[in-house]
Protein backbone atom coordinates (compact mmCIF):
# COMPACT_ATOMS: atom_id res chain seq x y z
CA UNK A 1 -36.97 -0.46 72.79
CA UNK A 2 -39.94 -2.54 73.91
CA UNK A 3 -43.30 -1.42 72.59
CA UNK A 4 -45.72 0.26 74.97
CA UNK A 5 -48.42 -0.16 72.31
CA UNK A 6 -48.43 -2.84 69.64
CA UNK A 7 -51.24 -3.28 67.14
CA UNK A 8 -51.08 -6.61 65.34
CA UNK A 9 -52.97 -7.51 62.14
CA UNK A 10 -55.92 -5.37 63.18
CA UNK A 11 -59.21 -5.51 61.29
CA UNK A 12 -62.21 -3.28 62.06
CA UNK A 13 -65.66 -3.73 60.54
CA UNK A 14 -68.49 -1.16 60.58
CA UNK A 15 -72.15 -2.21 60.73
CA UNK A 16 -71.06 -5.86 60.40
CA UNK A 17 -70.48 -5.28 56.70
CA UNK A 18 -67.90 -2.60 55.86
CA UNK A 19 -64.23 -3.35 56.48
CA UNK A 20 -62.49 -0.09 57.41
CA UNK A 21 -58.99 -1.29 58.24
CA UNK A 22 -57.35 -4.55 57.22
CA UNK A 23 -54.33 -6.17 58.79
CA UNK A 24 -52.75 -3.04 60.29
CA UNK A 25 -49.63 -3.63 62.35
CA UNK A 26 -47.83 -0.78 64.12
CA UNK A 27 -46.13 -0.04 67.40
CA UNK A 28 -45.09 2.83 69.65
CA UNK A 29 -42.32 2.60 72.22
CA UNK A 30 -42.31 4.36 75.57
CA UNK A 31 -41.60 8.08 75.13
CA UNK A 32 -41.92 8.02 71.33
CA UNK A 33 -43.95 10.28 69.08
CA UNK A 34 -45.35 8.10 66.30
CA UNK A 35 -47.20 9.62 63.34
CA UNK A 36 -49.98 7.89 61.43
CA UNK A 37 -50.40 9.56 58.05
CA UNK A 38 -52.89 9.24 55.23
CA UNK A 39 -55.65 10.90 53.27
CA UNK A 40 -59.33 11.06 54.26
CA UNK A 41 -60.79 7.58 54.57
CA UNK A 42 -57.41 5.87 54.93
CA UNK A 43 -58.34 4.41 58.33
CA UNK A 44 -56.34 6.72 60.60
CA UNK A 45 -59.14 7.83 62.92
CA UNK A 46 -60.62 4.34 62.99
CA UNK A 47 -57.28 3.06 64.27
CA UNK A 48 -57.30 5.61 67.12
CA UNK A 49 -60.91 4.83 68.00
CA UNK A 50 -60.05 1.14 68.13
CA UNK A 51 -57.21 1.82 70.57
CA UNK A 52 -59.31 4.18 72.73
CA UNK A 53 -62.40 1.97 72.75
CA UNK A 54 -64.76 4.42 71.05
CA UNK A 55 -65.59 2.15 68.10
CA UNK A 56 -68.87 1.10 69.65
CA UNK A 57 -70.30 4.58 69.20
CA UNK A 58 -69.94 4.08 65.43
CA UNK A 59 -71.41 0.56 65.33
CA UNK A 60 -67.98 -0.90 64.67
CA UNK A 61 -65.91 -3.71 66.19
CA UNK A 62 -62.45 -5.17 66.09
CA UNK A 63 -63.04 -8.46 64.27
CA UNK A 64 -59.46 -9.70 63.97
CA UNK A 65 -56.06 -8.96 65.44
CA UNK A 66 -55.04 -7.43 68.75
CA UNK A 67 -54.28 -4.09 70.44
CA UNK A 68 -51.63 -4.74 73.06
CA UNK A 69 -50.93 -2.07 75.69
CA UNK A 70 -48.11 -3.19 77.98
CA UNK A 71 -48.95 -6.71 76.78
CA UNK A 72 -52.67 -6.50 77.67
CA UNK A 73 -55.14 -6.91 74.79
CA UNK A 74 -57.59 -3.98 74.69
CA UNK A 75 -59.63 -4.98 71.65
CA UNK A 76 -63.34 -4.10 72.07
CA UNK A 77 -62.98 -2.99 75.70
CA UNK A 78 -65.13 0.00 76.72
CA UNK A 79 -63.55 3.48 76.78
CA UNK A 80 -63.78 4.00 80.54
CA UNK A 81 -61.70 0.89 81.23
CA UNK A 82 -59.09 1.87 78.64
CA UNK A 83 -58.85 5.40 80.07
CA UNK A 84 -58.21 3.96 83.53
CA UNK A 85 -55.16 2.19 82.10
CA UNK A 86 -53.66 5.54 81.07
CA UNK A 87 -54.76 5.93 77.43
CA UNK A 88 -56.39 9.27 76.57
CA UNK A 89 -57.85 10.39 73.23
CA UNK A 90 -57.95 13.98 71.94
CA UNK A 91 -60.66 13.58 69.28
CA UNK A 92 -60.86 15.18 65.87
CA UNK A 93 -64.03 17.11 66.73
CA UNK A 94 -66.12 17.90 69.84
CA UNK A 95 -62.90 18.41 71.79
CA UNK A 96 -64.27 20.47 74.71
CA UNK A 97 -67.45 21.12 76.67
CA UNK A 98 -68.58 24.40 75.03
CA UNK A 99 -70.82 25.56 77.88
CA UNK A 100 -68.17 25.13 80.56
CA UNK A 101 -65.30 27.48 81.33
CA UNK A 102 -61.66 26.57 80.76
CA UNK A 103 -61.20 25.70 84.44
CA UNK A 104 -64.44 23.69 84.50
CA UNK A 105 -63.30 21.72 81.44
CA UNK A 106 -60.10 20.78 83.23
CA UNK A 107 -62.04 19.86 86.36
CA UNK A 108 -64.21 17.51 84.28
CA UNK A 109 -61.16 15.42 83.36
CA UNK A 110 -60.78 12.24 85.39
CA UNK A 111 -57.16 11.47 86.29
CA UNK A 112 -55.83 7.94 85.95
CA UNK A 113 -55.39 5.97 89.14
CA UNK A 114 -52.62 7.48 91.27
CA UNK A 115 -52.28 10.65 89.20
CA UNK A 116 -51.72 13.96 91.00
CA UNK A 117 -54.48 16.24 89.67
CA UNK A 118 -53.12 19.46 91.16
CA UNK A 119 -49.66 18.88 89.72
CA UNK A 120 -51.07 17.92 86.32
CA UNK A 121 -53.26 21.04 86.17
CA UNK A 122 -50.25 23.20 86.97
CA UNK A 123 -48.28 21.43 84.24
CA UNK A 124 -51.13 21.98 81.77
CA UNK A 125 -51.08 25.75 82.38
CA UNK A 126 -47.29 25.68 82.06
CA UNK A 127 -47.53 24.04 78.64
CA UNK A 128 -50.35 26.39 77.55
CA UNK A 129 -49.91 29.72 79.37
CA UNK A 130 -52.58 31.32 77.18
CA UNK A 131 -55.16 29.15 78.94
CA UNK A 132 -54.11 30.61 82.28
CA UNK A 133 -55.24 34.01 81.00
CA UNK A 134 -58.56 32.49 79.87
CA UNK A 135 -59.43 30.45 82.97
CA UNK A 136 -62.93 31.88 83.29
CA UNK A 137 -63.70 32.05 79.55
CA UNK A 138 -66.50 29.84 78.24
CA UNK A 139 -64.90 27.20 76.03
CA UNK A 140 -67.40 27.76 73.23
CA UNK A 141 -66.05 31.31 72.84
CA UNK A 142 -62.44 30.21 72.38
CA UNK A 143 -60.69 30.28 69.02
CA UNK A 144 -59.96 27.00 67.25
CA UNK A 145 -56.36 27.04 68.43
CA UNK A 146 -57.39 27.79 72.00
CA UNK A 147 -59.90 24.92 71.96
CA UNK A 148 -57.16 22.59 70.75
CA UNK A 149 -54.93 23.80 73.59
CA UNK A 150 -57.74 23.15 76.06
CA UNK A 151 -58.36 19.67 74.65
CA UNK A 152 -54.68 18.81 75.05
CA UNK A 153 -54.59 20.34 78.54
CA UNK A 154 -57.65 18.32 79.58
CA UNK A 155 -55.93 15.17 78.32
CA UNK A 156 -52.80 15.99 80.32
CA UNK A 157 -54.86 16.33 83.52
CA UNK A 158 -55.90 12.70 83.01
CA UNK A 159 -52.27 11.66 83.50
CA UNK A 160 -51.89 9.52 80.35
CA UNK A 161 -49.08 7.12 79.55
CA UNK A 162 -50.31 7.05 75.96
CA UNK A 163 -51.80 10.17 74.36
CA UNK A 164 -53.81 9.72 71.15
CA UNK A 165 -54.15 12.92 69.10
CA UNK A 166 -56.54 12.92 66.13
CA UNK A 167 -55.85 15.63 63.50
CA UNK A 168 -53.96 18.25 65.48
CA UNK A 169 -53.93 20.65 62.51
CA UNK A 170 -57.58 20.43 61.43
CA UNK A 171 -58.94 23.89 60.59
CA UNK A 172 -56.04 25.77 62.16
CA UNK A 173 -53.60 28.31 60.72
CA UNK A 174 -50.09 26.98 59.99
CA UNK A 175 -48.42 29.15 62.64
CA UNK A 176 -50.84 27.79 65.28
CA UNK A 177 -50.23 24.21 64.16
CA UNK A 178 -46.46 24.62 64.35
CA UNK A 179 -46.76 26.00 67.88
CA UNK A 180 -49.04 23.16 69.00
CA UNK A 181 -46.68 20.60 67.48
CA UNK A 182 -43.79 21.99 69.49
CA UNK A 183 -45.96 21.87 72.62
CA UNK A 184 -46.42 18.13 71.99
CA UNK A 185 -42.65 17.72 71.87
CA UNK A 186 -42.37 19.60 75.17
CA UNK A 187 -45.14 17.51 76.75
CA UNK A 188 -43.42 14.30 75.67
CA UNK A 189 -40.09 15.52 77.01
CA UNK A 190 -41.32 16.67 80.42
CA UNK A 191 -43.93 14.01 81.12
CA UNK A 192 -42.25 11.09 79.34
CA UNK A 193 -45.48 10.01 77.69
CA UNK A 194 -45.93 8.24 74.36
CA UNK A 195 -47.87 10.10 71.66
CA UNK A 196 -49.67 8.51 68.71
CA UNK A 197 -50.47 11.35 66.32
CA UNK A 198 -52.95 10.92 63.46
CA UNK A 199 -52.42 13.69 60.92
CA UNK A 200 -53.02 14.63 57.29
CA UNK A 201 -50.33 17.32 57.46
CA UNK A 202 -47.33 15.09 56.87
CA UNK A 203 -44.81 17.93 57.03
CA UNK A 204 -45.84 18.91 60.56
CA UNK A 205 -46.20 15.33 61.80
CA UNK A 206 -42.84 14.16 60.47
CA UNK A 207 -41.11 17.27 61.84
CA UNK A 208 -41.77 16.08 65.41
CA UNK A 209 -42.23 12.31 65.08
CA UNK A 210 -39.63 9.65 65.74
CA UNK A 211 -41.29 7.21 63.35
CA UNK A 212 -44.29 7.08 61.07
CA UNK A 213 -46.75 4.85 59.27
CA UNK A 214 -48.63 5.69 56.07
CA UNK A 215 -52.13 4.26 55.67
CA UNK A 216 -54.08 3.97 52.42
CA UNK A 217 -57.38 2.14 52.03
CA UNK A 218 -57.16 0.69 55.52
CA UNK A 219 -53.67 -0.78 55.15
CA UNK A 220 -50.14 0.23 56.10
CA UNK A 221 -48.28 0.90 52.84
CA UNK A 222 -45.08 2.53 54.15
CA UNK A 223 -43.37 2.81 57.50
CA UNK A 224 -40.00 3.86 58.84
CA UNK A 225 -38.24 6.52 60.87
CA UNK A 226 -39.34 10.10 60.23
CA UNK A 227 -36.20 11.23 58.38
CA UNK A 228 -36.38 8.36 55.92
CA UNK A 229 -40.09 8.84 55.31
CA UNK A 230 -39.56 12.55 54.57
CA UNK A 231 -37.01 11.59 51.92
CA UNK A 232 -39.11 8.86 50.34
CA UNK A 233 -40.21 9.91 46.81
CA UNK A 234 -43.84 8.83 47.33
CA UNK A 235 -44.12 10.88 50.52
CA UNK A 236 -42.55 13.88 48.80
CA UNK A 237 -44.83 13.52 45.79
CA UNK A 238 -48.17 12.92 47.46
CA UNK A 239 -47.82 14.46 50.93
CA UNK A 240 -45.06 17.07 50.84
CA UNK A 241 -45.71 18.55 47.40
CA UNK A 242 -42.23 17.73 46.14
CA UNK A 243 -43.37 16.96 42.60
CA UNK A 244 -44.86 20.37 41.80
CA UNK A 245 -48.65 20.42 41.49
CA UNK A 246 -50.06 17.94 43.94
CA UNK A 247 -52.23 15.21 42.50
CA UNK A 248 -54.12 12.41 44.13
CA UNK A 249 -52.04 9.26 44.27
CA UNK A 250 -55.08 7.43 42.89
CA UNK A 251 -54.78 9.42 39.66
CA UNK A 252 -51.16 8.44 39.17
CA UNK A 253 -50.33 5.10 40.77
CA UNK A 254 -50.88 2.91 43.76
CA UNK A 255 -48.19 2.81 46.40
CA UNK A 256 -45.75 -0.02 46.07
CA UNK A 257 -46.70 -2.48 48.76
CA UNK A 258 -43.88 -3.52 51.04
CA UNK A 259 -43.70 -5.47 54.27
CA UNK A 260 -41.48 -2.81 55.76
CA UNK A 261 -39.50 0.05 54.25
CA UNK A 262 -35.99 0.77 55.49
CA UNK A 263 -34.79 3.38 52.96
């Protein structure tokens, strides 16, 4: 499978002084769900912001490497140009316009060139029927799960080829997270889009992903297909709680570095 997105030896520096990610290489094929896992500060969100072009808001830049989308290097391009290419980010926070209604939030989304807005809006309500009941509700009055649904629906209306989702599970109850994860699978299946999912909840991410990458301290330390990652002892110990009481990996050991893990 040829890669729709390929990140090669990416380095991002904040404020011209702080290196946030170092030499990250990962890829996502057309129609895949790819999970990027790691603890706080591992570089997950920085990777998504680099792909989506929002690094400039944080006084950061890609200083080395490339971000290839269908072979075109996107490094340090502005967000509006990247969105036009069919890449849409669902951010970790500030997901919706709180003073607008559900319908107005969807109307604020700008479809990619050639996208059928009416069809995409209908698809969004099909994926999230709860939103259909809340069309006139002010977004700021929605529950956390409903806001996440609206953020995903707004992204769908943009007609993405590549959907970037930052921390799907943040602040949400497990039953809500599981439902949203299954909606992502449905969205991928019906729209044929590629999804790059950044997530701390490894169990949820690996339950729907085709492949995954584990980041620590701005580097990829493990990668492989989802089934193999779930069975890897380090993933079980530090992310899935398989070793009893969960401890920080920093208190026990550093991950064994490997170029690529195959099981």
